[in-house]
Amino acid sequence: MKTDFICPKCNGHLLVGDKIIFTAITKKDKRPGIILLNSKVGDYTSILHPAFKIEKGEEVDFFCPICHASLAVPDVDEKLVKIIMVDENSDKYEIYFSGVTGEHCTYKVSDVKIEKFGEVSEKYYKYFMSRKI
């Protein structure tokens, strides 16, 4: 089994090929669209429809394309998005990433380890340091 990504609300599979699929709405002017993110943790490439333009620094709300639940985690920080990753060994990780365009930070969290990725990964790291690991 290869790595998979799951909605934390409905357990639906979000990975198609090597892209994680989300529906999204920009917070600024409420434009809806679909975002495909690279499945490699720490790779910030994405694919958007040309008409779904998002400016750098713009906040985006991410949703599961299956159950339509918000993937925001306001109990941690309203700008963070959470999904579940299951690796080839069936180990599960919580994956958190920023919903702010161009704010490159991702966290891979398990019961025993926190890994951070991206040039601004220190920004939200404090939220994960208080977890019992």
C-alpha atoms as a PDB file:
ATOM      1  CA  MET A   1       0.000   0.000   0.000  1.00  0.00           C
ATOM      2  CA  LYS A   2       1.288   3.458  -0.817  1.00  0.00           C
ATOM      3  CA  THR A   3       0.717   6.577   1.243  1.00  0.00           C
ATOM      4  CA  ASP A   4      -2.902   7.741   1.383  1.00  0.00           C
ATOM      5  CA  PHE A   5      -4.646  10.864   2.661  1.00  0.00           C
ATOM      6  CA  ILE A   6      -7.976  10.724   4.470  1.00  0.00           C
ATOM      7  CA  CYS A   7     -10.623  13.212   5.585  1.00  0.00           C
ATOM      8  CA  PRO A   8     -10.628  13.324   9.412  1.00  0.00           C
ATOM      9  CA  LYS A   9     -14.430  13.772   9.413  1.00  0.00           C
ATOM     10  CA  CYS A  10     -15.762  11.100   7.003  1.00  0.00           C
ATOM     11  CA  ASN A  11     -12.653   8.931   6.432  1.00  0.00           C
ATOM     12  CA  GLY A  12     -13.051   9.501   2.694  1.00  0.00           C
ATOM     13  CA  HIS A  13      -9.989   9.118   0.479  1.00  0.00           C
ATOM     14  CA  LEU A  14      -8.662  12.470  -0.785  1.00  0.00           C
ATOM     15  CA  LEU A  15      -5.768  11.178  -2.900  1.00  0.00           C
ATOM     16  CA  VAL A  16      -6.145  10.697  -6.651  1.00  0.00           C
ATOM     17  CA  GLY A  17      -2.926   9.830  -8.455  1.00  0.00           C
ATOM     18  CA  ASP A  18      -0.325  11.907  -6.640  1.00  0.00           C
ATOM     19  CA  LYS A  19      -2.635  14.841  -5.816  1.00  0.00           C
ATOM     20  CA  ILE A  20      -4.692  15.546  -2.716  1.00  0.00           C
ATOM     21  CA  ILE A  21      -8.028  17.036  -3.762  1.00  0.00           C
ATOM     22  CA  PHE A  22      -9.896  19.725  -1.825  1.00  0.00           C
ATOM     23  CA  THR A  23     -12.791  22.039  -2.464  1.00  0.00           C
ATOM     24  CA  ALA A  24     -12.031  25.554  -1.279  1.00  0.00           C
ATOM     25  CA  ILE A  25     -13.512  28.990  -0.785  1.00  0.00           C
ATOM     26  CA  THR A  26     -11.443  32.153  -0.572  1.00  0.00           C
ATOM     27  CA  LYS A  27     -12.174  34.072   2.629  1.00  0.00           C
ATOM     28  CA  LYS A  28     -11.778  37.481   0.997  1.00  0.00           C
ATOM     29  CA  ASP A  29     -14.423  37.322  -1.708  1.00  0.00           C
ATOM     30  CA  LYS A  30     -15.939  33.854  -1.174  1.00  0.00           C
ATOM     31  CA  ARG A  31     -14.881  32.429  -4.554  1.00  0.00           C
ATOM     32  CA  PRO A  32     -15.274  28.620  -4.688  1.00  0.00           C
ATOM     33  CA  GLY A  33     -12.873  26.303  -6.467  1.00  0.00           C
ATOM     34  CA  ILE A  34     -10.939  23.057  -6.424  1.00  0.00           C
ATOM     35  CA  ILE A  35      -7.333  22.807  -5.261  1.00  0.00           C
ATOM     36  CA  LEU A  36      -5.026  19.889  -5.986  1.00  0.00           C
ATOM     37  CA  LEU A  37      -1.967  19.738  -3.722  1.00  0.00           C
ATOM     38  CA  ASN A  38       1.134  17.638  -4.202  1.00  0.00           C
ATOM     39  CA  SER A  39       1.039  14.590  -1.924  1.00  0.00           C
ATOM     40  CA  LYS A  40       4.701  14.836  -0.945  1.00  0.00           C
ATOM     41  CA  VAL A  41       4.763  16.429   2.502  1.00  0.00           C
ATOM     42  CA  GLY A  42       6.676  19.707   2.251  1.00  0.00           C
ATOM     43  CA  ASP A  43       6.120  20.144  -1.508  1.00  0.00           C
ATOM     44  CA  TYR A  44       3.949  23.220  -1.973  1.00  0.00           C
ATOM     45  CA  THR A  45       3.082  22.880  -5.651  1.00  0.00           C
ATOM     46  CA  SER A  46      -0.602  23.050  -6.465  1.00  0.00           C
ATOM     47  CA  ILE A  47      -2.963  22.986  -9.412  1.00  0.00           C
ATOM     48  CA  LEU A  48      -5.914  25.367  -9.715  1.00  0.00           C
ATOM     49  CA  HIS A  49      -8.332  26.190 -12.499  1.00  0.00           C
ATOM     50  CA  PRO A  50      -6.995  29.326 -14.270  1.00  0.00           C
ATOM     51  CA  ALA A  51     -10.126  31.255 -13.254  1.00  0.00           C
ATOM     52  CA  PHE A  52      -9.662  30.346  -9.568  1.00  0.00           C
ATOM     53  CA  LYS A  53      -6.953  32.846  -8.764  1.00  0.00           C
ATOM     54  CA  ILE A  54      -5.671  33.175  -5.216  1.00  0.00           C
ATOM     55  CA  GLU A  55      -3.296  35.963  -4.242  1.00  0.00           C
ATOM     56  CA  LYS A  56      -0.249  35.308  -2.074  1.00  0.00           C
ATOM     57  CA  GLY A  57      -1.194  35.857   1.565  1.00  0.00           C
ATOM     58  CA  GLU A  58      -4.886  35.234   0.933  1.00  0.00           C
ATOM     59  CA  GLU A  59      -6.686  32.932   3.373  1.00  0.00           C
ATOM     60  CA  VAL A  60      -8.531  29.945   1.957  1.00  0.00           C
ATOM     61  CA  ASP A  61     -11.050  27.659   3.672  1.00  0.00           C
ATOM     62  CA  PHE A  62     -10.436  23.998   2.757  1.00  0.00           C
ATOM     63  CA  PHE A  63     -13.230  21.395   2.651  1.00  0.00           C
ATOM     64  CA  CYS A  64     -13.490  17.675   2.063  1.00  0.00           C
ATOM     65  CA  PRO A  65     -14.747  17.140  -1.508  1.00  0.00           C
ATOM     66  CA  ILE A  66     -16.713  14.091  -0.315  1.00  0.00           C
ATOM     67  CA  CYS A  67     -18.556  15.129   2.863  1.00  0.00           C
ATOM     68  CA  HIS A  68     -18.012  18.911   2.434  1.00  0.00           C
ATOM     69  CA  ALA A  69     -16.865  19.288   6.060  1.00  0.00           C
ATOM     70  CA  SER A  70     -14.523  22.119   6.904  1.00  0.00           C
ATOM     71  CA  LEU A  71     -10.968  20.893   7.468  1.00  0.00           C
ATOM     72  CA  ALA A  72     -10.036  23.916   9.596  1.00  0.00           C
ATOM     73  CA  VAL A  73      -8.847  23.293  13.145  1.00  0.00           C
ATOM     74  CA  PRO A  74      -9.959  26.355  15.136  1.00  0.00           C
ATOM     75  CA  ASP A  75      -9.063  24.636  18.430  1.00  0.00           C
ATOM     76  CA  VAL A  76      -5.409  24.802  17.273  1.00  0.00           C
ATOM     77  CA  ASP A  77      -5.443  27.838  14.932  1.00  0.00           C
ATOM     78  CA  GLU A  78      -8.177  28.934  12.502  1.00  0.00           C
ATOM     79  CA  LYS A  79      -5.616  29.244   9.686  1.00  0.00           C
ATOM     80  CA  LEU A  80      -4.532  25.595   9.900  1.00  0.00           C
ATOM     81  CA  VAL A  81      -6.005  22.713   7.918  1.00  0.00           C
ATOM     82  CA  LYS A  82      -5.939  19.086   9.096  1.00  0.00           C
ATOM     83  CA  ILE A  83      -6.027  15.792   7.193  1.00  0.00           C
ATOM     84  CA  ILE A  84      -4.863  12.273   8.038  1.00  0.00           C
ATOM     85  CA  MET A  85      -1.980  10.508   6.305  1.00  0.00           C
ATOM     86  CA  VAL A  86      -1.633   6.723   6.299  1.00  0.00           C
ATOM     87  CA  ASP A  87       1.810   5.549   5.183  1.00  0.00           C
ATOM     88  CA  GLU A  88       2.893   2.325   3.465  1.00  0.00           C
ATOM     89  CA  ASN A  89       3.253   0.653   6.913  1.00  0.00           C
ATOM     90  CA  SER A  90      -0.335   1.625   7.862  1.00  0.00           C
ATOM     91  CA  ASP A  91       0.999   4.142  10.395  1.00  0.00           C
ATOM     92  CA  LYS A  92      -1.290   7.170  10.826  1.00  0.00           C
ATOM     93  CA  TYR A  93      -0.213  10.801  11.104  1.00  0.00           C
ATOM     94  CA  GLU A  94      -2.093  14.053  11.522  1.00  0.00           C
ATOM     95  CA  ILE A  95      -1.019  16.454   8.794  1.00  0.00           C
ATOM     96  CA  TYR A  96      -1.535  20.159   9.454  1.00  0.00           C
ATOM     97  CA  PHE A  97      -0.798  22.885   6.912  1.00  0.00           C
ATOM     98  CA  SER A  98      -1.459  26.578   6.572  1.00  0.00           C
ATOM     99  CA  GLY A  99      -4.539  27.696   4.675  1.00  0.00           C
ATOM    100  CA  VAL A 100      -2.793  30.982   3.855  1.00  0.00           C
ATOM    101  CA  THR A 101      -1.534  31.004   0.272  1.00  0.00           C
ATOM    102  CA  GLY A 102       2.239  31.127   0.115  1.00  0.00           C
ATOM    103  CA  GLU A 103       2.671  30.472   3.840  1.00  0.00           C
ATOM    104  CA  HIS A 104       4.757  27.313   3.553  1.00  0.00           C
ATOM    105  CA  CYS A 105       4.443  25.342   6.756  1.00  0.00           C
ATOM    106  CA  THR A 106       3.359  21.768   7.319  1.00  0.00           C
ATOM    107  CA  TYR A 107       3.418  19.542  10.381  1.00  0.00           C
ATOM    108  CA  LYS A 108       3.442  15.731  10.426  1.00  0.00           C
ATOM    109  CA  VAL A 109       2.323  14.672  13.892  1.00  0.00           C
ATOM    110  CA  SER A 110       2.267  11.211  15.454  1.00  0.00           C
ATOM    111  CA  ASP A 111       2.083   9.989  19.041  1.00  0.00           C
ATOM    112  CA  VAL A 112       5.879   9.978  19.248  1.00  0.00           C
ATOM    113  CA  LYS A 113       7.162  12.650  16.868  1.00  0.00           C
ATOM    114  CA  ILE A 114       6.467  16.057  15.322  1.00  0.00           C
ATOM    115  CA  GLU A 115       8.091  16.875  11.990  1.00  0.00           C
ATOM    116  CA  LYS A 116       7.906  20.362  10.523  1.00  0.00           C
ATOM    117  CA  PHE A 117       8.368  21.436   6.916  1.00  0.00           C
ATOM    118  CA  GLY A 118       8.507  24.786   5.126  1.00  0.00           C
ATOM    119  CA  GLU A 119      10.329  28.070   5.531  1.00  0.00           C
ATOM    120  CA  VAL A 120       7.825  29.489   8.051  1.00  0.00           C
ATOM    121  CA  SER A 121       7.255  26.259   9.999  1.00  0.00           C
ATOM    122  CA  GLU A 122       8.143  27.959  13.292  1.00  0.00           C
ATOM    123  CA  LYS A 123       4.994  30.103  13.039  1.00  0.00           C
ATOM    124  CA  TYR A 124       2.541  27.485  14.378  1.00  0.00           C
ATOM    125  CA  TYR A 125       5.035  25.030  15.886  1.00  0.00           C
ATOM    126  CA  LYS A 126       4.244  26.218  19.426  1.00  0.00           C
ATOM    127  CA  TYR A 127       0.794  24.622  19.182  1.00  0.00           C
ATOM    128  CA  PHE A 128       2.305  21.196  18.692  1.00  0.00           C
ATOM    129  CA  MET A 129       5.055  21.475  21.311  1.00  0.00           C
ATOM    130  CA  SER A 130       2.472  21.474  24.099  1.00  0.00           C
ATOM    131  CA  ARG A 131       1.140  18.051  23.032  1.00  0.00           C
ATOM    132  CA  LYS A 132       2.075  15.069  25.140  1.00  0.00           C
ATOM    133  CA  ILE A 133       4.460  12.998  23.059  1.00  0.00           C
END
